[in-house]
């Protein structure tokens, strides 16, 4: 019995020493890992600083730009100028950014060059940045900064963007719901409160619209997003693609999940449902 007791005591002592050794080794390795990460972060920070100071133009980081957009800190009028090609712009862009690629300049016809102009490219290696800066200076723009790292940096650090919506994208499809013209007509007939946004042009809207619909043309959605105050929104338009893209934009800007009316306004007219003219 005593022999077995001694064995158990030795085993417990051995396990105790083993646990202590494990904790010591784990602590040393963890500290070493943290030190490596700190060194890596410091090197990355130094590299970014060197790149920033070596660039022939002034830059603004994604976090600082986001503060400006949110109105945090010094108030200053600014314009976001996205110089990427239009097909890249519609895939995703910063809200309120105006798309003018260098080959579509002069820019002063579309933006206030007296404001601070924040130029947004793809990344720091975007060759269009230098071209855009030269043209802006030729137009008399004096207060210019470039988003450091471009959209690549913004999406990685901030993430908040607006897209035109891709019907083949599962993510974009998850942002919207659908209803048929008959369902909307039934709701109106039964006097169920509905909030309808018609994203067709003013001219198309004037030709006939659903009773109670508010006209915010597709091209004006971003600058007029503040007019959308309801959480349950039904979007109608020229066709279902326009409705879908408008709905995805609304979701991205306001976190509101709109309803897309299937077959759009042509489908509503084909059913013979009422229009206001």
C-alpha atoms as a PDB file:
ATOM      1  CA  UNK A   1       0.000   0.000   0.000  1.00  0.00           C
ATOM      2  CA  UNK A   2       2.777   2.437   0.952  1.00  0.00           C
ATOM      3  CA  UNK A   3       4.573   1.644  -2.315  1.00  0.00           C
ATOM      4  CA  UNK A   4       1.468   2.472  -4.318  1.00  0.00           C
ATOM      5  CA  UNK A   5       1.011   5.662  -2.276  1.00  0.00           C
ATOM      6  CA  UNK A   6       4.604   6.725  -3.063  1.00  0.00           C
ATOM      7  CA  UNK A   7       4.042   6.069  -6.749  1.00  0.00           C
ATOM      8  CA  UNK A   8       0.899   8.218  -6.769  1.00  0.00           C
ATOM      9  CA  UNK A   9       2.659  11.057  -4.954  1.00  0.00           C
ATOM     10  CA  UNK A  10       5.573  10.930  -7.400  1.00  0.00           C
ATOM     11  CA  UNK A  11       3.127  10.899 -10.308  1.00  0.00           C
ATOM     12  CA  UNK A  12       1.275  13.954  -8.951  1.00  0.00           C
ATOM     13  CA  UNK A  13       4.552  15.792  -8.354  1.00  0.00           C
ATOM     14  CA  UNK A  14       5.693  14.906 -11.874  1.00  0.00           C
ATOM     15  CA  UNK A  15       2.436  16.192 -13.375  1.00  0.00           C
ATOM     16  CA  UNK A  16       2.761  19.370 -11.338  1.00  0.00           C
ATOM     17  CA  UNK A  17       6.288  20.016 -12.620  1.00  0.00           C
ATOM     18  CA  UNK A  18       5.096  19.221 -16.139  1.00  0.00           C
ATOM     19  CA  UNK A  19       2.274  21.777 -15.944  1.00  0.00           C
ATOM     20  CA  UNK A  20       4.631  24.424 -14.546  1.00  0.00           C
ATOM     21  CA  UNK A  21       7.099  23.766 -17.376  1.00  0.00           C
ATOM     22  CA  UNK A  22       4.266  23.973 -19.941  1.00  0.00           C
ATOM     23  CA  UNK A  23       3.080  27.328 -18.573  1.00  0.00           C
ATOM     24  CA  UNK A  24       6.631  28.726 -18.637  1.00  0.00           C
ATOM     25  CA  UNK A  25       7.242  27.577 -22.225  1.00  0.00           C
ATOM     26  CA  UNK A  26       3.812  28.835 -23.363  1.00  0.00           C
ATOM     27  CA  UNK A  27       4.412  32.239 -21.787  1.00  0.00           C
ATOM     28  CA  UNK A  28       7.831  32.573 -23.392  1.00  0.00           C
ATOM     29  CA  UNK A  29       6.491  31.597 -26.812  1.00  0.00           C
ATOM     30  CA  UNK A  30       3.531  33.953 -26.509  1.00  0.00           C
ATOM     31  CA  UNK A  31       5.729  36.878 -25.538  1.00  0.00           C
ATOM     32  CA  UNK A  32       8.005  36.047 -28.423  1.00  0.00           C
ATOM     33  CA  UNK A  33       5.012  35.954 -30.786  1.00  0.00           C
ATOM     34  CA  UNK A  34       3.740  39.312 -29.529  1.00  0.00           C
ATOM     35  CA  UNK A  35       7.208  40.786 -29.914  1.00  0.00           C
ATOM     36  CA  UNK A  36       7.361  39.551 -33.504  1.00  0.00           C
ATOM     37  CA  UNK A  37       3.913  41.012 -34.226  1.00  0.00           C
ATOM     38  CA  UNK A  38       4.850  44.324 -32.645  1.00  0.00           C
ATOM     39  CA  UNK A  39       8.038  44.427 -34.704  1.00  0.00           C
ATOM     40  CA  UNK A  40       6.089  43.534 -37.842  1.00  0.00           C
ATOM     41  CA  UNK A  41       3.497  46.252 -37.154  1.00  0.00           C
ATOM     42  CA  UNK A  42       6.266  48.751 -36.451  1.00  0.00           C
ATOM     43  CA  UNK A  43       7.999  47.845 -39.717  1.00  0.00           C
ATOM     44  CA  UNK A  44       4.714  48.137 -41.617  1.00  0.00           C
ATOM     45  CA  UNK A  45       4.008  51.497 -40.007  1.00  0.00           C
ATOM     46  CA  UNK A  46       7.492  52.726 -40.902  1.00  0.00           C
ATOM     47  CA  UNK A  47       7.062  51.454 -44.454  1.00  0.00           C
ATOM     48  CA  UNK A  48       3.719  53.251 -44.811  1.00  0.00           C
ATOM     49  CA  UNK A  49       5.276  56.399 -43.415  1.00  0.00           C
ATOM     50  CA  UNK A  50       8.186  56.180 -45.856  1.00  0.00           C
ATOM     51  CA  UNK A  51       5.832  55.582 -48.768  1.00  0.00           C
ATOM     52  CA  UNK A  52       3.647  58.493 -47.715  1.00  0.00           C
ATOM     53  CA  UNK A  53       6.557  60.895 -47.426  1.00  0.00           C
ATOM     54  CA  UNK A  54       8.014  59.706 -50.740  1.00  0.00           C
ATOM     55  CA  UNK A  55       4.807  60.360 -52.675  1.00  0.00           C
ATOM     56  CA  UNK A  56       4.690  63.650 -54.628  1.00  0.00           C
ATOM     57  CA  UNK A  57       1.288  64.537 -53.187  1.00  0.00           C
ATOM     58  CA  UNK A  58      -0.477  64.827 -49.848  1.00  0.00           C
ATOM     59  CA  UNK A  59      -2.480  61.838 -48.659  1.00  0.00           C
ATOM     60  CA  UNK A  60      -5.254  61.145 -46.179  1.00  0.00           C
ATOM     61  CA  UNK A  61      -5.715  57.767 -44.468  1.00  0.00           C
ATOM     62  CA  UNK A  62      -8.957  55.779 -44.627  1.00  0.00           C
ATOM     63  CA  UNK A  63      -9.691  56.293 -40.928  1.00  0.00           C
ATOM     64  CA  UNK A  64      -9.192  60.061 -41.129  1.00  0.00           C
ATOM     65  CA  UNK A  65     -11.353  60.292 -44.248  1.00  0.00           C
ATOM     66  CA  UNK A  66     -14.074  58.285 -42.538  1.00  0.00           C
ATOM     67  CA  UNK A  67     -14.028  60.780 -39.654  1.00  0.00           C
ATOM     68  CA  UNK A  68     -14.545  63.613 -42.153  1.00  0.00           C
ATOM     69  CA  UNK A  69     -17.457  61.775 -43.732  1.00  0.00           C
ATOM     70  CA  UNK A  70     -19.018  61.186 -40.305  1.00  0.00           C
ATOM     71  CA  UNK A  71     -18.500  64.833 -39.378  1.00  0.00           C
ATOM     72  CA  UNK A  72     -16.062  64.106 -36.566  1.00  0.00           C
ATOM     73  CA  UNK A  73     -13.533  66.843 -35.852  1.00  0.00           C
ATOM     74  CA  UNK A  74     -12.920  69.975 -37.925  1.00  0.00           C
ATOM     75  CA  UNK A  75     -15.794  70.873 -40.242  1.00  0.00           C
ATOM     76  CA  UNK A  76     -14.629  71.359 -43.807  1.00  0.00           C
ATOM     77  CA  UNK A  77     -16.397  71.246 -47.146  1.00  0.00           C
ATOM     78  CA  UNK A  78     -14.958  68.454 -49.251  1.00  0.00           C
ATOM     79  CA  UNK A  79     -15.653  66.516 -52.417  1.00  0.00           C
ATOM     80  CA  UNK A  80     -14.933  62.836 -52.970  1.00  0.00           C
ATOM     81  CA  UNK A  81     -13.651  62.386 -56.516  1.00  0.00           C
ATOM     82  CA  UNK A  82     -13.483  58.763 -57.668  1.00  0.00           C
ATOM     83  CA  UNK A  83     -11.286  58.610 -60.769  1.00  0.00           C
ATOM     84  CA  UNK A  84     -11.633  54.877 -61.426  1.00  0.00           C
ATOM     85  CA  UNK A  85     -13.394  53.572 -64.552  1.00  0.00           C
ATOM     86  CA  UNK A  86     -17.199  53.609 -64.289  1.00  0.00           C
ATOM     87  CA  UNK A  87     -17.492  49.805 -64.326  1.00  0.00           C
ATOM     88  CA  UNK A  88     -15.307  49.644 -61.210  1.00  0.00           C
ATOM     89  CA  UNK A  89     -17.130  52.538 -59.586  1.00  0.00           C
ATOM     90  CA  UNK A  90     -20.518  50.826 -59.846  1.00  0.00           C
ATOM     91  CA  UNK A  91     -19.119  47.622 -58.350  1.00  0.00           C
ATOM     92  CA  UNK A  92     -18.427  49.541 -55.142  1.00  0.00           C
ATOM     93  CA  UNK A  93     -17.633  53.076 -54.131  1.00  0.00           C
ATOM     94  CA  UNK A  94     -17.653  55.364 -51.102  1.00  0.00           C
ATOM     95  CA  UNK A  95     -21.039  56.966 -50.550  1.00  0.00           C
ATOM     96  CA  UNK A  96     -21.365  60.410 -52.183  1.00  0.00           C
ATOM     97  CA  UNK A  97     -18.218  59.899 -54.267  1.00  0.00           C
ATOM     98  CA  UNK A  98     -18.521  61.482 -57.719  1.00  0.00           C
ATOM     99  CA  UNK A  99     -17.127  59.402 -60.572  1.00  0.00           C
ATOM    100  CA  UNK A 100     -15.037  61.346 -63.098  1.00  0.00           C
ATOM    101  CA  UNK A 101     -12.216  59.351 -64.755  1.00  0.00           C
ATOM    102  CA  UNK A 102      -9.328  61.514 -66.081  1.00  0.00           C
ATOM    103  CA  UNK A 103     -10.462  61.104 -69.694  1.00  0.00           C
ATOM    104  CA  UNK A 104     -13.793  62.748 -68.761  1.00  0.00           C
ATOM    105  CA  UNK A 105     -12.235  65.926 -67.334  1.00  0.00           C
ATOM    106  CA  UNK A 106     -12.631  68.902 -66.924  1.00  0.00           C
ATOM    107  CA  UNK A 107     -13.953  68.152 -63.465  1.00  0.00           C
ATOM    108  CA  UNK A 108     -14.948  71.700 -62.490  1.00  0.00           C
ATOM    109  CA  UNK A 109     -18.131  71.319 -64.518  1.00  0.00           C
ATOM    110  CA  UNK A 110     -19.303  68.635 -62.086  1.00  0.00           C
ATOM    111  CA  UNK A 111     -17.621  69.441 -58.745  1.00  0.00           C
ATOM    112  CA  UNK A 112     -16.753  72.520 -56.687  1.00  0.00           C
ATOM    113  CA  UNK A 113     -12.993  72.810 -57.088  1.00  0.00           C
ATOM    114  CA  UNK A 114     -12.870  75.379 -54.289  1.00  0.00           C
ATOM    115  CA  UNK A 115     -13.591  72.598 -51.799  1.00  0.00           C
ATOM    116  CA  UNK A 116     -11.023  70.155 -50.511  1.00  0.00           C
ATOM    117  CA  UNK A 117     -10.931  67.482 -53.219  1.00  0.00           C
ATOM    118  CA  UNK A 118     -10.185  63.921 -52.086  1.00  0.00           C
ATOM    119  CA  UNK A 119      -8.976  61.886 -55.061  1.00  0.00           C
ATOM    120  CA  UNK A 120      -9.794  58.179 -54.915  1.00  0.00           C
ATOM    121  CA  UNK A 121      -7.995  55.646 -57.110  1.00  0.00           C
ATOM    122  CA  UNK A 122      -7.678  51.871 -57.041  1.00  0.00           C
ATOM    123  CA  UNK A 123      -4.548  51.849 -54.878  1.00  0.00           C
ATOM    124  CA  UNK A 124      -1.278  53.730 -54.384  1.00  0.00           C
ATOM    125  CA  UNK A 125       0.056  52.378 -57.682  1.00  0.00           C
ATOM    126  CA  UNK A 126      -2.853  53.761 -59.722  1.00  0.00           C
ATOM    127  CA  UNK A 127      -1.228  55.691 -62.582  1.00  0.00           C
ATOM    128  CA  UNK A 128      -4.375  57.749 -63.139  1.00  0.00           C
ATOM    129  CA  UNK A 129      -3.774  59.595 -59.857  1.00  0.00           C
ATOM    130  CA  UNK A 130      -0.880  61.652 -61.244  1.00  0.00           C
ATOM    131  CA  UNK A 131      -2.850  62.452 -64.407  1.00  0.00           C
ATOM    132  CA  UNK A 132      -5.900  63.523 -62.392  1.00  0.00           C
ATOM    133  CA  UNK A 133      -3.813  65.708 -60.074  1.00  0.00           C
ATOM    134  CA  UNK A 134      -2.170  67.495 -62.998  1.00  0.00           C
ATOM    135  CA  UNK A 135      -5.516  68.192 -64.644  1.00  0.00           C
ATOM    136  CA  UNK A 136      -7.097  69.375 -61.389  1.00  0.00           C
ATOM    137  CA  UNK A 137      -4.227  71.826 -60.834  1.00  0.00           C
ATOM    138  CA  UNK A 138      -4.592  73.081 -64.403  1.00  0.00           C
ATOM    139  CA  UNK A 139      -8.253  73.786 -63.623  1.00  0.00           C
ATOM    140  CA  UNK A 140      -7.249  75.857 -60.598  1.00  0.00           C
ATOM    141  CA  UNK A 141      -7.886  73.326 -57.844  1.00  0.00           C
ATOM    142  CA  UNK A 142      -5.446  74.088 -55.015  1.00  0.00           C
ATOM    143  CA  UNK A 143      -6.651  71.998 -52.079  1.00  0.00           C
ATOM    144  CA  UNK A 144      -6.165  68.341 -53.057  1.00  0.00           C
ATOM    145  CA  UNK A 145      -5.397  65.158 -51.113  1.00  0.00           C
ATOM    146  CA  UNK A 146      -5.289  61.536 -52.232  1.00  0.00           C
ATOM    147  CA  UNK A 147      -6.845  58.641 -50.334  1.00  0.00           C
ATOM    148  CA  UNK A 148      -3.818  56.621 -49.199  1.00  0.00           C
ATOM    149  CA  UNK A 149      -4.031  53.129 -50.643  1.00  0.00           C
ATOM    150  CA  UNK A 150      -7.158  53.995 -52.628  1.00  0.00           C
ATOM    151  CA  UNK A 151     -10.267  51.824 -52.563  1.00  0.00           C
ATOM    152  CA  UNK A 152      -8.153  48.780 -51.727  1.00  0.00           C
ATOM    153  CA  UNK A 153      -7.218  50.391 -48.411  1.00  0.00           C
ATOM    154  CA  UNK A 154     -10.724  51.740 -47.756  1.00  0.00           C
ATOM    155  CA  UNK A 155     -12.464  48.388 -48.211  1.00  0.00           C
ATOM    156  CA  UNK A 156      -9.899  46.646 -46.022  1.00  0.00           C
ATOM    157  CA  UNK A 157      -9.945  49.183 -43.169  1.00  0.00           C
ATOM    158  CA  UNK A 158     -13.446  50.705 -43.258  1.00  0.00           C
ATOM    159  CA  UNK A 159     -15.457  48.369 -45.476  1.00  0.00           C
ATOM    160  CA  UNK A 160     -18.543  50.574 -45.912  1.00  0.00           C
ATOM    161  CA  UNK A 161     -19.308  50.947 -49.624  1.00  0.00           C
ATOM    162  CA  UNK A 162     -22.251  51.395 -51.969  1.00  0.00           C
ATOM    163  CA  UNK A 163     -22.809  49.071 -54.915  1.00  0.00           C
ATOM    164  CA  UNK A 164     -25.205  49.110 -57.859  1.00  0.00           C
ATOM    165  CA  UNK A 165     -26.045  45.479 -57.175  1.00  0.00           C
ATOM    166  CA  UNK A 166     -25.361  42.330 -59.152  1.00  0.00           C
ATOM    167  CA  UNK A 167     -28.445  40.103 -59.659  1.00  0.00           C
ATOM    168  CA  UNK A 168     -26.131  37.076 -59.860  1.00  0.00           C
ATOM    169  CA  UNK A 169     -24.620  37.843 -56.458  1.00  0.00           C
ATOM    170  CA  UNK A 170     -26.043  35.843 -53.558  1.00  0.00           C
ATOM    171  CA  UNK A 171     -24.946  38.607 -51.179  1.00  0.00           C
ATOM    172  CA  UNK A 172     -26.782  41.300 -53.146  1.00  0.00           C
ATOM    173  CA  UNK A 173     -29.877  39.126 -53.539  1.00  0.00           C
ATOM    174  CA  UNK A 174     -29.976  38.689 -49.759  1.00  0.00           C
ATOM    175  CA  UNK A 175     -30.372  42.475 -49.393  1.00  0.00           C
ATOM    176  CA  UNK A 176     -33.781  42.599 -51.091  1.00  0.00           C
ATOM    177  CA  UNK A 177     -37.198  40.924 -51.103  1.00  0.00           C
ATOM    178  CA  UNK A 178     -39.741  40.578 -53.912  1.00  0.00           C
ATOM    179  CA  UNK A 179     -43.468  41.075 -54.382  1.00  0.00           C
ATOM    180  CA  UNK A 180     -45.827  40.860 -57.367  1.00  0.00           C
ATOM    181  CA  UNK A 181     -47.773  43.814 -58.785  1.00  0.00           C
ATOM    182  CA  UNK A 182     -51.007  42.135 -57.643  1.00  0.00           C
ATOM    183  CA  UNK A 183     -49.751  42.029 -54.044  1.00  0.00           C
ATOM    184  CA  UNK A 184     -48.955  45.731 -54.102  1.00  0.00           C
ATOM    185  CA  UNK A 185     -52.301  46.538 -55.725  1.00  0.00           C
ATOM    186  CA  UNK A 186     -54.131  44.540 -53.039  1.00  0.00           C
ATOM    187  CA  UNK A 187     -52.277  46.424 -50.302  1.00  0.00           C
ATOM    188  CA  UNK A 188     -53.222  49.783 -51.857  1.00  0.00           C
ATOM    189  CA  UNK A 189     -56.864  48.699 -52.370  1.00  0.00           C
ATOM    190  CA  UNK A 190     -57.085  47.602 -48.726  1.00  0.00           C
ATOM    191  CA  UNK A 191     -55.487  50.907 -47.689  1.00  0.00           C
ATOM    192  CA  UNK A 192     -52.480  49.202 -46.097  1.00  0.00           C
ATOM    193  CA  UNK A 193     -49.771  51.861 -45.521  1.00  0.00           C
ATOM    194  CA  UNK A 194     -47.069  51.406 -48.160  1.00  0.00           C
ATOM    195  CA  UNK A 195     -44.008  53.533 -48.938  1.00  0.00           C
ATOM    196  CA  UNK A 196     -43.261  53.424 -52.654  1.00  0.00           C
ATOM    197  CA  UNK A 197     -40.177  54.902 -54.298  1.00  0.00           C
ATOM    198  CA  UNK A 198     -40.296  55.274 -58.065  1.00  0.00           C
ATOM    199  CA  UNK A 199     -36.738  55.445 -59.423  1.00  0.00           C
ATOM    200  CA  UNK A 200     -37.638  56.292 -63.014  1.00  0.00           C
ATOM    201  CA  UNK A 201     -36.776  59.673 -64.516  1.00  0.00           C
ATOM    202  CA  UNK A 202     -38.995  62.678 -63.804  1.00  0.00           C
ATOM    203  CA  UNK A 203     -40.346  62.534 -67.349  1.00  0.00           C
ATOM    204  CA  UNK A 204     -41.229  58.838 -67.112  1.00  0.00           C
ATOM    205  CA  UNK A 205     -42.798  59.397 -63.694  1.00  0.00           C
ATOM    206  CA  UNK A 206     -44.983  62.207 -65.053  1.00  0.00           C
ATOM    207  CA  UNK A 207     -46.428  59.859 -67.701  1.00  0.00           C
ATOM    208  CA  UNK A 208     -48.117  57.826 -64.973  1.00  0.00           C
ATOM    209  CA  UNK A 209     -47.256  56.597 -61.482  1.00  0.00           C
ATOM    210  CA  UNK A 210     -48.694  54.488 -58.682  1.00  0.00           C
ATOM    211  CA  UNK A 211     -50.761  56.493 -56.209  1.00  0.00           C
ATOM    212  CA  UNK A 212     -48.639  57.699 -53.287  1.00  0.00           C
ATOM    213  CA  UNK A 213     -45.307  56.928 -54.956  1.00  0.00           C
ATOM    214  CA  UNK A 214     -42.385  59.272 -54.329  1.00  0.00           C
ATOM    215  CA  UNK A 215     -40.145  59.990 -57.301  1.00  0.00           C
ATOM    216  CA  UNK A 216     -36.397  59.783 -56.609  1.00  0.00           C
ATOM    217  CA  UNK A 217     -34.653  59.143 -59.943  1.00  0.00           C
ATOM    218  CA  UNK A 218     -32.025  56.407 -59.877  1.00  0.00           C
ATOM    219  CA  UNK A 219     -29.162  58.878 -60.451  1.00  0.00           C
ATOM    220  CA  UNK A 220     -30.260  60.963 -57.430  1.00  0.00           C
ATOM    221  CA  UNK A 221     -30.593  58.172 -54.869  1.00  0.00           C
ATOM    222  CA  UNK A 222     -27.340  58.863 -53.040  1.00  0.00           C
ATOM    223  CA  UNK A 223     -27.719  62.605 -52.620  1.00  0.00           C
ATOM    224  CA  UNK A 224     -31.416  62.282 -51.732  1.00  0.00           C
ATOM    225  CA  UNK A 225     -31.139  59.260 -49.449  1.00  0.00           C
ATOM    226  CA  UNK A 226     -32.105  61.433 -46.475  1.00  0.00           C
ATOM    227  CA  UNK A 227     -35.634  61.638 -47.896  1.00  0.00           C
ATOM    228  CA  UNK A 228     -36.103  57.891 -47.371  1.00  0.00           C
ATOM    229  CA  UNK A 229     -37.435  57.769 -43.825  1.00  0.00           C
ATOM    230  CA  UNK A 230     -39.378  54.491 -43.764  1.00  0.00           C
ATOM    231  CA  UNK A 231     -38.007  51.051 -42.997  1.00  0.00           C
ATOM    232  CA  UNK A 232     -40.383  49.163 -45.306  1.00  0.00           C
ATOM    233  CA  UNK A 233     -39.776  50.413 -48.834  1.00  0.00           C
ATOM    234  CA  UNK A 234     -41.166  49.179 -52.150  1.00  0.00           C
ATOM    235  CA  UNK A 235     -39.062  50.130 -55.168  1.00  0.00           C
ATOM    236  CA  UNK A 236     -40.624  50.426 -58.618  1.00  0.00           C
ATOM    237  CA  UNK A 237     -38.856  51.403 -61.810  1.00  0.00           C
ATOM    238  CA  UNK A 238     -38.433  51.168 -65.536  1.00  0.00           C
ATOM    239  CA  UNK A 239     -37.395  47.509 -65.352  1.00  0.00           C
ATOM    240  CA  UNK A 240     -36.586  44.934 -62.708  1.00  0.00           C
ATOM    241  CA  UNK A 241     -32.814  45.424 -63.029  1.00  0.00           C
ATOM    242  CA  UNK A 242     -33.130  49.149 -62.285  1.00  0.00           C
ATOM    243  CA  UNK A 243     -35.336  48.329 -59.291  1.00  0.00           C
ATOM    244  CA  UNK A 244     -32.867  45.739 -58.026  1.00  0.00           C
ATOM    245  CA  UNK A 245     -29.843  48.009 -58.342  1.00  0.00           C
ATOM    246  CA  UNK A 246     -31.680  50.870 -56.643  1.00  0.00           C
ATOM    247  CA  UNK A 247     -32.758  48.549 -53.824  1.00  0.00           C
ATOM    248  CA  UNK A 248     -29.204  47.334 -53.211  1.00  0.00           C
ATOM    249  CA  UNK A 249     -28.006  50.940 -53.052  1.00  0.00           C
ATOM    250  CA  UNK A 250     -30.719  51.773 -50.524  1.00  0.00           C
ATOM    251  CA  UNK A 251     -29.715  48.792 -48.421  1.00  0.00           C
ATOM    252  CA  UNK A 252     -26.021  49.731 -48.524  1.00  0.00           C
ATOM    253  CA  UNK A 253     -26.715  53.342 -47.578  1.00  0.00           C
ATOM    254  CA  UNK A 254     -29.516  52.944 -45.020  1.00  0.00           C
ATOM    255  CA  UNK A 255     -29.544  49.259 -43.992  1.00  0.00           C
ATOM    256  CA  UNK A 256     -33.147  49.124 -45.207  1.00  0.00           C
ATOM    257  CA  UNK A 257     -34.170  45.916 -47.008  1.00  0.00           C
ATOM    258  CA  UNK A 258     -36.488  47.069 -49.840  1.00  0.00           C
ATOM    259  CA  UNK A 259     -39.030  45.116 -51.844  1.00  0.00           C
ATOM    260  CA  UNK A 260     -38.497  44.848 -55.598  1.00  0.00           C
ATOM    261  CA  UNK A 261     -41.712  44.739 -57.633  1.00  0.00           C
ATOM    262  CA  UNK A 262     -41.470  41.908 -60.133  1.00  0.00           C
ATOM    263  CA  UNK A 263     -41.912  42.889 -63.808  1.00  0.00           C
ATOM    264  CA  UNK A 264     -41.521  46.567 -62.773  1.00  0.00           C
ATOM    265  CA  UNK A 265     -43.819  49.322 -64.062  1.00  0.00           C
ATOM    266  CA  UNK A 266     -44.461  47.657 -67.459  1.00  0.00           C
ATOM    267  CA  UNK A 267     -45.882  44.679 -65.529  1.00  0.00           C
ATOM    268  CA  UNK A 268     -48.085  46.994 -63.466  1.00  0.00           C
ATOM    269  CA  UNK A 269     -49.445  48.605 -66.640  1.00  0.00           C
ATOM    270  CA  UNK A 270     -50.018  45.225 -68.320  1.00  0.00           C
ATOM    271  CA  UNK A 271     -52.233  44.225 -65.391  1.00  0.00           C
ATOM    272  CA  UNK A 272     -54.329  47.318 -65.953  1.00  0.00           C
ATOM    273  CA  UNK A 273     -53.796  48.626 -62.421  1.00  0.00           C
ATOM    274  CA  UNK A 274     -54.504  52.285 -61.682  1.00  0.00           C
ATOM    275  CA  UNK A 275     -52.055  55.056 -62.514  1.00  0.00           C
ATOM    276  CA  UNK A 276     -52.048  58.703 -61.534  1.00  0.00           C
ATOM    277  CA  UNK A 277     -51.298  61.180 -64.335  1.00  0.00           C
END
